Amino acid sequence: MTARGSCTVIVGAQWGDEGKGKIVDVLAENVDIVARYQGGANAGHTVHVGDDEFVLHQIPSGILHPGRRCLLGNGVVLDVRQFFQEYDGVVARGIDIDGRIGVSYRAQLLMPYHQLLDKAVEHAAATKIGTTGRGIGPAYEDKAGRRGVRVADLLNQDRLAKRIEAARSRVEGKLDELGVPAARLDEAMDETLALSDRLLAIASDVGPEISAALEEGKHVLLEGAQGTALDLDHGTYPFVTSSNTTAGGAATGTGIGPTSITDVIGIVKAYTTRVGEGPLPSAMTQEMDEHVRKLGGEFGATTGRPRRCGWFDAVLTRYASQVNGLTGIAVTKLDVFDTMPEVKIATAYRMPDGKERRFFPADTWSLSEIEPVYETMPGWEAPTGDVRKLEDLPKNARAYLDRIEELTNAPVRWVSVGTKRSQIIPIG
């Protein structure tokens, strides 16, 4: 039976940090359910409500709208301690979330030993991935290896104890090989397991809940973490995250059929950023990189690490449009370019053999050898922060958006010119 409601997926169309939380926050005003479909506490959504700033790592940003139901799907790896710290922090700031949050029984638990292993392996690796050290990779490894602990396992203490003991024995052996002490692991495990009853009290069958809501004609928003270029299958492997960040992961990560999805919105910055290791083809010069980082406040919401900055990469976003089946895009941080005399767009890659390519290569290593082919456009050198209609944007800013739309094969449907809710311009 075809769903009568609507189901929109919000996906990052670059390397993450595109401003997805900001767009989700605005769109959540007109939906009933917001659900997270992958990732863990290794990402952060920064949302400004009036003069208040909220940084949310696991709870969907829709929680800032009264009455919205917020779910964490089976594709998520849940750091239980961090989750309830965040939960209690939101409550302490006056947000009523009683009965509004649900976590899938099928979601994997990220345990303290995952975090120890993550940091130890990254430290010992010859090729660094740039992990946040939050245990995401090892948690997904346990999931794929069928060694993971799910929320549903908390229902049976005997089974839970056996699974955790087997995992601990394996992890402690690995840590011993790496010469890393398992300091405070017992205490951290006790803190995690002490939250079992509290977690079970909000556990839900997320897939059936979303499906039922759609059948009732309700509106659902699915949000992911990171971005297309960090997708485990479609990103710049091995410099990727451990899950499917693309729109296809939204269906598997929440337990609904792909035909329930009615809209896929890709979020892009007016430029490109990347945090962690791996190539950034459209990287700016050092001077421009530092200038844009300062203007855009480009530091990670989770780790505080400085993000590398690059010009808008149309090769990547065109690829993201194809992989995700984008029905539209939202361009954020347009205002960062307000003082620029000119702006650039990478429209193609010149490969080492001299040939130009307009598609994103599977060979990640070749990205460090390519030369971006730039198209230079005049800047607008005028403030946009107070603009609330597309037609009121400077002519050159509108031309820049038009060109992005042409190159990505997806219509621009929102433009952000600041951090506030009121600074997002709807188009069409």
Protein backbone atom coordinates (compact mmCIF):
# COMPACT_ATOMS: atom_id res chain seq x y z
CA MET A 1 0.00 0.00 0.00
CA THR A 2 1.37 3.39 -0.95
CA ALA A 3 2.06 5.70 1.98
CA ARG A 4 -0.32 8.63 2.11
CA GLY A 5 1.99 10.85 4.12
CA SER A 6 5.32 12.33 3.01
CA CYS A 7 8.81 11.16 3.85
CA THR A 8 11.75 13.49 3.18
CA VAL A 9 15.38 12.51 3.53
CA ILE A 10 17.97 15.14 4.43
CA VAL A 11 21.45 14.12 3.31
CA GLY A 12 24.82 15.82 3.25
CA ALA A 13 26.03 16.21 -0.33
CA GLN A 14 29.67 16.96 0.49
CA TRP A 15 32.00 15.77 3.29
CA GLY A 16 29.59 16.51 6.12
CA ASP A 17 29.30 19.68 8.21
CA GLU A 18 27.05 21.20 5.53
CA GLY A 19 24.46 22.56 7.95
CA LYS A 20 21.99 19.67 7.90
CA GLY A 21 20.84 20.33 11.45
CA LYS A 22 19.91 23.88 10.56
CA ILE A 23 17.74 22.75 7.63
CA VAL A 24 16.20 19.90 9.64
CA ASP A 25 15.35 22.38 12.38
CA VAL A 26 13.49 24.62 9.93
CA LEU A 27 11.68 21.79 8.11
CA ALA A 28 10.74 20.08 11.39
CA GLU A 29 8.17 22.79 11.96
CA ASN A 30 5.94 21.13 9.35
CA VAL A 31 6.48 17.43 10.13
CA ASP A 32 5.30 14.99 12.78
CA ILE A 33 8.36 12.75 13.14
CA VAL A 34 12.10 13.35 12.76
CA ALA A 35 14.26 10.22 12.69
CA ARG A 36 18.02 9.71 12.60
CA TYR A 37 19.05 6.81 10.38
CA GLN A 38 22.82 6.24 10.84
CA GLY A 39 25.98 7.32 12.62
CA GLY A 40 26.55 8.05 16.26
CA ALA A 41 28.02 10.70 18.52
CA ASN A 42 30.81 11.41 16.02
CA ALA A 43 28.79 14.19 14.39
CA GLY A 44 27.19 17.35 15.66
CA HIS A 45 24.31 19.52 14.49
CA THR A 46 24.56 23.15 15.62
CA VAL A 47 21.21 24.94 15.73
CA HIS A 48 20.50 28.53 16.76
CA VAL A 49 17.12 29.32 18.31
CA GLY A 50 16.93 33.02 19.03
CA ASP A 51 20.04 33.82 21.02
CA ASP A 52 20.47 30.21 22.15
CA GLU A 53 22.83 27.72 20.53
CA PHE A 54 22.20 23.98 20.73
CA VAL A 55 24.80 21.40 19.69
CA LEU A 56 23.13 18.01 19.30
CA HIS A 57 25.13 14.86 18.61
CA GLN A 58 22.59 12.02 18.72
CA ILE A 59 19.17 13.51 19.42
CA PRO A 60 17.54 14.77 16.17
CA SER A 61 17.39 18.57 16.01
CA GLY A 62 13.62 18.34 15.57
CA ILE A 63 13.47 18.03 19.36
CA LEU A 64 13.64 21.83 19.54
CA HIS A 65 10.10 22.03 18.09
CA PRO A 66 7.33 21.27 20.60
CA GLY A 67 5.35 18.11 19.96
CA ARG A 68 7.66 16.56 17.38
CA ARG A 69 8.42 12.88 17.86
CA CYS A 70 12.17 12.18 17.49
CA LEU A 71 13.45 8.68 16.77
CA LEU A 72 16.83 6.98 16.49
CA GLY A 73 16.70 4.15 13.99
CA ASN A 74 18.35 0.76 13.83
CA GLY A 75 21.16 2.18 11.68
CA VAL A 76 22.45 4.24 14.61
CA VAL A 77 25.19 3.15 17.02
CA LEU A 78 24.10 4.60 20.36
CA ASP A 79 26.58 5.90 22.92
CA VAL A 80 24.23 5.48 25.89
CA ARG A 81 26.14 7.64 28.36
CA GLN A 82 26.57 10.52 25.93
CA PHE A 83 22.96 10.19 24.78
CA PHE A 84 21.53 10.65 28.28
CA GLN A 85 23.96 13.47 29.04
CA GLU A 86 22.59 15.20 25.96
CA TYR A 87 19.01 14.27 26.91
CA ASP A 88 19.39 15.72 30.40
CA GLY A 89 21.15 18.80 29.01
CA VAL A 90 18.24 19.57 26.70
CA VAL A 91 15.75 19.14 29.56
CA ALA A 92 17.86 21.41 31.79
CA ARG A 93 17.52 24.15 29.17
CA GLY A 94 13.74 24.07 29.39
CA ILE A 95 12.85 21.80 26.46
CA ASP A 96 9.99 19.40 27.29
CA ILE A 97 10.91 16.06 25.71
CA ASP A 98 8.88 13.68 27.87
CA GLY A 99 7.51 10.92 25.63
CA ARG A 100 8.97 12.53 22.52
CA ILE A 101 12.10 10.41 22.01
CA GLY A 102 12.27 6.79 20.90
CA VAL A 103 15.22 4.50 20.22
CA SER A 104 14.96 1.42 18.02
CA TYR A 105 15.16 -1.95 19.76
CA ARG A 106 17.40 -2.91 16.83
CA ALA A 107 19.91 -0.08 17.33
CA GLN A 108 23.44 -1.14 18.25
CA LEU A 109 24.97 -0.02 21.54
CA LEU A 110 28.33 1.71 21.41
CA MET A 111 30.22 0.47 24.45
CA PRO A 112 33.15 2.07 26.30
CA TYR A 113 35.46 -0.64 24.97
CA HIS A 114 34.67 0.51 21.42
CA GLN A 115 36.06 3.95 22.25
CA LEU A 116 39.26 2.53 23.76
CA LEU A 117 39.78 0.32 20.73
CA ASP A 118 39.06 3.15 18.28
CA LYS A 119 41.71 5.43 19.77
CA ALA A 120 44.27 2.64 20.11
CA VAL A 121 43.91 1.39 16.55
CA GLU A 122 44.02 4.89 15.06
CA HIS A 123 47.13 5.71 17.06
CA ALA A 124 48.88 2.55 15.86
CA ALA A 125 47.81 2.84 12.21
CA ALA A 126 50.38 3.70 9.56
CA THR A 127 47.66 5.42 7.49
CA LYS A 128 45.47 7.62 9.68
CA ILE A 129 41.76 7.85 8.86
CA GLY A 130 41.14 10.91 11.01
CA THR A 131 38.64 9.22 13.30
CA THR A 132 37.00 11.22 16.07
CA GLY A 133 37.90 8.48 18.55
CA ARG A 134 34.25 8.08 19.57
CA GLY A 135 34.22 4.32 18.92
CA ILE A 136 32.03 4.46 15.81
CA GLY A 137 34.17 2.22 13.60
CA PRO A 138 34.65 -0.59 16.13
CA ALA A 139 30.92 -0.52 16.98
CA TYR A 140 29.99 -0.98 13.33
CA GLU A 141 32.67 -3.68 13.01
CA ASP A 142 31.00 -5.59 15.82
CA LYS A 143 27.64 -5.11 14.12
CA ALA A 144 28.92 -6.49 10.80
CA GLY A 145 30.73 -9.28 12.65
CA ARG A 146 27.50 -10.23 14.42
CA ARG A 147 29.17 -9.57 17.76
CA GLY A 148 27.25 -6.40 18.61
CA VAL A 149 24.92 -5.66 21.49
CA ARG A 150 21.52 -4.24 20.57
CA VAL A 151 19.00 -2.38 22.67
CA ALA A 152 16.79 -5.49 22.57
CA ASP A 153 19.56 -7.49 24.27
CA LEU A 154 18.99 -5.42 27.41
CA LEU A 155 15.71 -7.31 27.84
CA ASN A 156 17.58 -10.51 28.76
CA GLN A 157 20.30 -10.04 31.38
CA ASP A 158 21.81 -13.51 30.99
CA ARG A 159 22.19 -13.15 27.23
CA LEU A 160 23.48 -9.61 27.66
CA ALA A 161 26.16 -10.69 30.15
CA LYS A 162 27.43 -13.41 27.81
CA ARG A 163 27.63 -11.10 24.81
CA ILE A 164 29.41 -8.37 26.74
CA GLU A 165 31.89 -10.77 28.35
CA ALA A 166 32.78 -12.26 24.95
CA ALA A 167 33.26 -8.78 23.50
CA ARG A 168 35.35 -7.56 26.42
CA SER A 169 37.64 -10.58 26.27
CA ARG A 170 38.27 -10.01 22.57
CA VAL A 171 38.79 -6.25 22.93
CA GLU A 172 41.08 -6.51 25.96
CA GLY A 173 43.19 -9.02 24.04
CA LYS A 174 43.49 -6.57 21.15
CA LEU A 175 44.34 -3.70 23.48
CA ASP A 176 47.00 -5.83 25.12
CA GLU A 177 48.55 -6.49 21.70
CA LEU A 178 48.68 -2.74 21.11
CA GLY A 179 50.14 -2.09 24.54
CA VAL A 180 47.16 -0.02 25.67
CA PRO A 181 45.83 -0.40 29.25
CA ALA A 182 42.09 -0.80 29.68
CA ALA A 183 41.99 1.96 32.28
CA ARG A 184 38.61 2.71 33.88
CA LEU A 185 36.84 0.23 31.60
CA ASP A 186 35.01 -1.48 34.47
CA GLU A 187 33.74 1.83 35.82
CA ALA A 188 32.65 3.00 32.36
CA MET A 189 30.85 -0.28 31.67
CA ASP A 190 29.00 -0.05 34.98
CA GLU A 191 27.91 3.50 34.14
CA THR A 192 26.63 2.36 30.75
CA LEU A 193 24.72 -0.69 31.95
CA ALA A 194 23.20 1.28 34.84
CA LEU A 195 21.24 3.19 32.18
CA SER A 196 19.61 0.03 30.76
CA ASP A 197 16.20 0.50 32.38
CA ARG A 198 16.10 4.13 31.39
CA LEU A 199 16.89 3.23 27.77
CA LEU A 200 14.34 0.42 27.63
CA ALA A 201 11.68 2.86 28.85
CA ILE A 202 11.99 4.80 25.57
CA ALA A 203 12.72 1.85 23.24
CA SER A 204 10.47 1.58 20.20
CA ASP A 205 9.86 -0.45 17.06
CA VAL A 206 10.90 2.48 14.89
CA GLY A 207 10.16 0.97 11.47
CA PRO A 208 6.54 0.07 12.26
CA GLU A 209 6.05 3.41 14.05
CA ILE A 210 7.18 5.42 11.01
CA SER A 211 5.21 3.22 8.59
CA ALA A 212 2.04 3.61 10.64
CA ALA A 213 2.50 7.37 10.75
CA LEU A 214 2.85 7.52 6.96
CA GLU A 215 -0.29 5.44 6.52
CA GLU A 216 -2.10 7.95 8.71
CA GLY A 217 -1.02 10.76 6.38
CA LYS A 218 1.62 12.19 8.68
CA HIS A 219 4.86 13.80 7.58
CA VAL A 220 8.29 12.33 8.36
CA LEU A 221 11.80 13.73 8.09
CA LEU A 222 14.79 11.38 8.03
CA GLU A 223 18.20 12.86 8.86
CA GLY A 224 21.66 11.44 8.49
CA ALA A 225 25.08 12.37 9.82
CA GLN A 226 28.24 13.17 7.84
CA GLY A 227 27.96 13.47 4.03
CA THR A 228 27.94 11.59 0.73
CA ALA A 229 31.73 11.66 0.31
CA LEU A 230 32.05 9.90 3.70
CA ASP A 231 29.67 7.05 2.77
CA LEU A 232 31.23 3.64 3.39
CA ASP A 233 30.48 2.45 -0.16
CA HIS A 234 30.29 5.64 -2.20
CA GLY A 235 32.72 7.97 -0.43
CA THR A 236 36.47 8.51 -0.56
CA TYR A 237 37.31 5.07 0.82
CA PRO A 238 39.15 4.39 3.13
CA PHE A 239 38.82 7.98 4.41
CA VAL A 240 35.14 7.48 5.19
CA THR A 241 32.83 6.79 8.10
CA SER A 242 31.57 3.29 8.93
CA SER A 243 28.00 3.52 7.69
CA ASN A 244 25.92 4.45 4.66
CA THR A 245 25.34 8.18 4.86
CA THR A 246 23.53 8.37 1.52
CA ALA A 247 19.77 8.33 0.96
CA GLY A 248 19.67 4.57 0.45
CA GLY A 249 20.82 4.21 4.04
CA ALA A 250 17.74 6.10 5.22
CA ALA A 251 15.45 3.20 4.35
CA THR A 252 17.63 0.45 5.81
CA GLY A 253 18.55 2.60 8.82
CA THR A 254 14.95 3.17 9.89
CA GLY A 255 13.20 0.01 8.73
CA ILE A 256 10.91 1.41 6.05
CA GLY A 257 10.64 0.58 2.37
CA PRO A 258 12.48 2.83 -0.11
CA THR A 259 9.22 3.50 -1.94
CA SER A 260 8.00 5.35 1.17
CA ILE A 261 10.54 8.12 0.49
CA THR A 262 8.97 11.01 -1.41
CA ASP A 263 11.75 13.63 -1.39
CA VAL A 264 15.54 13.69 -1.03
CA ILE A 265 17.15 17.04 -0.18
CA GLY A 266 20.91 17.43 -0.42
CA ILE A 267 22.60 20.02 1.79
CA VAL A 268 25.67 21.84 0.46
CA LYS A 269 27.72 24.76 1.63
CA ALA A 270 28.40 27.58 -0.81
CA TYR A 271 31.95 26.23 -0.62
CA THR A 272 33.41 22.90 0.49
CA THR A 273 34.96 21.77 3.77
CA ARG A 274 36.50 18.62 5.10
CA VAL A 275 37.68 17.56 8.56
CA GLY A 276 40.02 14.65 9.18
CA GLU A 277 42.30 12.89 6.74
CA GLY A 278 41.82 12.32 3.02
CA PRO A 279 41.96 14.42 -0.17
CA LEU A 280 40.11 17.70 -0.75
CA PRO A 281 40.35 18.28 -4.53
CA SER A 282 39.15 21.90 -4.54
CA ALA A 283 41.32 22.99 -1.59
CA MET A 284 41.95 26.72 -1.36
CA THR A 285 45.34 28.33 -0.98
CA GLN A 286 46.54 28.50 2.61
CA GLU A 287 45.73 32.20 2.89
CA MET A 288 42.22 31.83 1.47
CA ASP A 289 41.66 28.66 3.51
CA GLU A 290 42.39 30.52 6.74
CA HIS A 291 40.28 33.49 5.67
CA VAL A 292 37.20 31.39 4.88
CA ARG A 293 37.64 29.26 8.00
CA LYS A 294 37.57 32.40 10.11
CA LEU A 295 34.57 33.89 8.29
CA GLY A 296 32.60 30.65 8.40
CA GLY A 297 33.62 29.50 11.88
CA GLU A 298 34.83 26.24 10.38
CA PHE A 299 35.65 24.14 13.41
CA GLY A 300 34.12 20.75 14.12
CA ALA A 301 31.04 20.73 16.39
CA THR A 302 32.17 17.42 17.92
CA THR A 303 35.96 17.69 18.13
CA GLY A 304 36.68 21.38 17.58
CA ARG A 305 39.16 20.43 14.85
CA PRO A 306 39.68 23.06 12.14
CA ARG A 307 38.02 22.17 8.84
CA ARG A 308 39.95 22.46 5.60
CA CYS A 309 38.21 24.77 3.16
CA GLY A 310 37.82 24.48 -0.61
CA TRP A 311 35.88 26.09 -3.42
CA PHE A 312 32.50 24.64 -4.37
CA ASP A 313 33.13 21.23 -5.95
CA ALA A 314 30.49 20.63 -8.61
CA VAL A 315 32.05 17.28 -9.57
CA LEU A 316 31.39 15.97 -6.08
CA THR A 317 27.90 17.45 -5.74
CA ARG A 318 26.87 16.23 -9.19
CA TYR A 319 27.94 12.77 -8.05
CA ALA A 320 26.01 13.22 -4.81
CA SER A 321 22.94 14.17 -6.82
CA GLN A 322 23.20 10.93 -8.78
CA VAL A 323 23.95 8.65 -5.80
CA ASN A 324 21.16 10.08 -3.65
CA GLY A 325 18.59 10.83 -6.34
CA LEU A 326 18.33 14.40 -5.12
CA THR A 327 15.03 16.16 -5.74
CA GLY A 328 16.43 19.46 -4.48
CA ILE A 329 19.30 21.11 -2.64
CA ALA A 330 19.75 23.64 0.15
CA VAL A 331 22.76 25.96 -0.05
CA THR A 332 24.09 27.10 3.32
CA LYS A 333 26.57 29.81 4.35
CA LEU A 334 26.13 31.89 1.22
CA ASP A 335 26.83 34.92 3.41
CA VAL A 336 30.42 33.76 4.02
CA PHE A 337 31.21 34.95 0.47
CA ASP A 338 29.62 38.39 0.94
CA THR A 339 32.98 40.19 0.92
CA MET A 340 34.62 38.17 -1.87
CA PRO A 341 35.48 40.01 -5.14
CA GLU A 342 35.24 36.69 -6.97
CA VAL A 343 34.24 33.07 -6.30
CA LYS A 344 35.23 29.82 -7.95
CA ILE A 345 33.51 26.57 -8.82
CA ALA A 346 35.38 23.37 -9.69
CA THR A 347 33.49 22.11 -12.75
CA ALA A 348 35.81 19.23 -13.73
CA TYR A 349 38.99 17.40 -12.72
CA ARG A 350 42.10 17.36 -14.89
CA MET A 351 43.63 13.95 -14.39
CA PRO A 352 47.38 13.14 -14.41
CA ASP A 353 47.05 12.00 -18.04
CA GLY A 354 45.83 15.49 -18.98
CA LYS A 355 42.24 14.45 -19.66
CA GLU A 356 39.34 16.24 -18.04
CA ARG A 357 36.78 14.22 -16.10
CA ARG A 358 33.37 15.43 -14.99
CA PHE A 359 32.62 12.40 -12.81
CA PHE A 360 33.86 11.61 -9.31
CA PRO A 361 36.48 8.82 -9.49
CA ALA A 362 36.32 5.64 -7.43
CA ASP A 363 40.11 5.71 -6.98
CA THR A 364 40.48 7.92 -3.92
CA TRP A 365 44.24 8.12 -4.29
CA SER A 366 43.94 9.78 -7.69
CA LEU A 367 42.14 12.71 -6.07
CA SER A 368 45.41 13.89 -4.56
CA GLU A 369 46.90 14.06 -8.05
CA ILE A 370 44.13 15.83 -9.94
CA GLU A 371 44.00 19.50 -10.84
CA PRO A 372 40.57 21.09 -10.48
CA VAL A 373 39.22 22.96 -13.48
CA TYR A 374 37.77 26.19 -12.11
CA GLU A 375 35.11 28.52 -13.39
CA THR A 376 35.52 31.98 -11.86
CA MET A 377 32.48 34.15 -11.24
CA PRO A 378 32.24 37.73 -9.95
CA GLY A 379 31.41 38.10 -6.27
CA TRP A 380 28.58 40.29 -5.00
CA GLU A 381 30.46 42.25 -2.31
CA ALA A 382 27.24 43.09 -0.48
CA PRO A 383 25.69 41.82 2.78
CA THR A 384 23.02 39.14 2.43
CA GLY A 385 22.21 38.43 6.10
CA ASP A 386 19.06 40.54 6.09
CA VAL A 387 17.72 39.21 2.77
CA ARG A 388 14.53 37.17 3.09
CA LYS A 389 13.50 36.74 -0.57
CA LEU A 390 15.42 35.25 -3.47
CA GLU A 391 14.74 38.25 -5.69
CA ASP A 392 16.35 40.53 -3.10
CA LEU A 393 19.70 38.75 -3.23
CA PRO A 394 22.44 40.56 -5.18
CA LYS A 395 22.42 39.75 -8.90
CA ASN A 396 25.80 37.98 -8.75
CA ALA A 397 24.70 35.88 -5.76
CA ARG A 398 21.64 34.72 -7.71
CA ALA A 399 23.87 33.93 -10.70
CA TYR A 400 26.12 31.85 -8.43
CA LEU A 401 23.12 29.86 -7.16
CA ASP A 402 21.84 29.38 -10.70
CA ARG A 403 25.19 27.96 -11.75
CA ILE A 404 25.27 25.57 -8.79
CA GLU A 405 21.79 24.41 -9.74
CA GLU A 406 22.85 23.79 -13.35
CA LEU A 407 25.98 21.89 -12.40
CA THR A 408 24.39 19.66 -9.74
CA ASN A 409 21.28 18.71 -11.73
CA ALA A 410 19.03 19.57 -8.79
CA PRO A 411 16.97 22.69 -8.07
CA VAL A 412 17.99 25.02 -5.23
CA ARG A 413 15.07 25.04 -2.78
CA TRP A 414 16.55 26.81 0.24
CA VAL A 415 19.39 29.26 0.81
CA SER A 416 20.88 30.08 4.19
CA VAL A 417 22.44 33.51 4.79
CA GLY A 418 23.13 33.24 8.52
CA THR A 419 22.82 31.09 11.62
CA LYS A 420 19.27 32.02 12.64
CA ARG A 421 16.05 30.26 11.65
CA SER A 422 14.85 33.47 10.02
CA GLN A 423 17.91 33.55 7.76
CA ILE A 424 16.87 30.61 5.62
CA ILE A 425 15.25 31.69 2.36
CA PRO A 426 12.71 29.27 0.82
CA ILE A 427 12.68 29.13 -2.97
CA GLY A 428 9.73 28.05 -5.03
